[in-house]
Amino acid sequence: MSPQEPLLDASRARRLPVTVSITRRVDGNRLAEVTRWVQSGVNLANGYDGFLGSGWVRAHADSDEWHMLYRFADADTLEAWEASDDRADWLYEGRELVEVARVERRTGIEGWFDAPQPGVPSAPPRWKQAVTIWLGFFPLSLLFTTLVTSVVPGWHELWPIATVLITTLCLTPTMTYLLLPFVTRLLQPWLRR
C-alpha cells in the first residue's frame, strides 16, 4: 500500500453518505412534546444541503428508548448540520425531554439495519443485508419493468441510457423510503438470528 492510498480512502469515505444512529431515553410523561420536538428537528434538517431523510422508532409502546436515524449525503454536509446554530438551538429545546444514550455513525446501507433495542448487534452480516435488499429490489424492479413496458412497448430498446436513468431515479427512493424499511421490519427475526 502506498503512502497516498490511505489518504485516497479517507477522501473517498468523506464523500459517502453517512447515517447517524442515536438512542435517546425519553420522558414517558411528555410523549406529545417529544414527538413535536423530534419532528421539528426533522423539519430543520430538511432545510440543509445533503439531508437524505430520517426516521425514529421505539422498541415497543412502553419503551423509554427511541432509536433515531438521520442521513446526509456526505461527511461535509453532515458536519454543516451538526455544527449549525439551528441544531444547537433545537437540542437545547429538547434538553429536558430526552437524554442521549448512544451515537453511532455508519457509511453505507447498514445504517438501515441499526439495532432497534439495546444489547442487539448493530448490524446483521452483510450477506443477510444483501439478501434483504434483493428481496425488496427484485419484485419492485420486475413490477416496474412490466408496468413501463406495457405502457411504452420497446422503451428499453429505444433509449437504454434513459431507461436506466429513469428506472434508478424511480426505484432508489422507493426502495430507500418505503420498501427497504418494510422488508427489514418483516425480516427482523431472521436478520437478528
Foldseek 3Di string as FASTA:
>chain_A
DDPCVVVVVVVVQQQFKKKKKWKKFFDPVPVVVVVVLVVVLQVVLVPFAFWDDKDKDAPDDPGRIIIIMTMGRGNVSVVCSVPDPVVVVSCVVCVVTIDIDDMDMDGDPQSLQQDNDPPFDGFFDVVVVVVLLCVQPVVVLVVVVVVVCVVPPPPCVVDVVVVVVVSCVVVVVCCVPPRSNVSCVVCVVVRRD
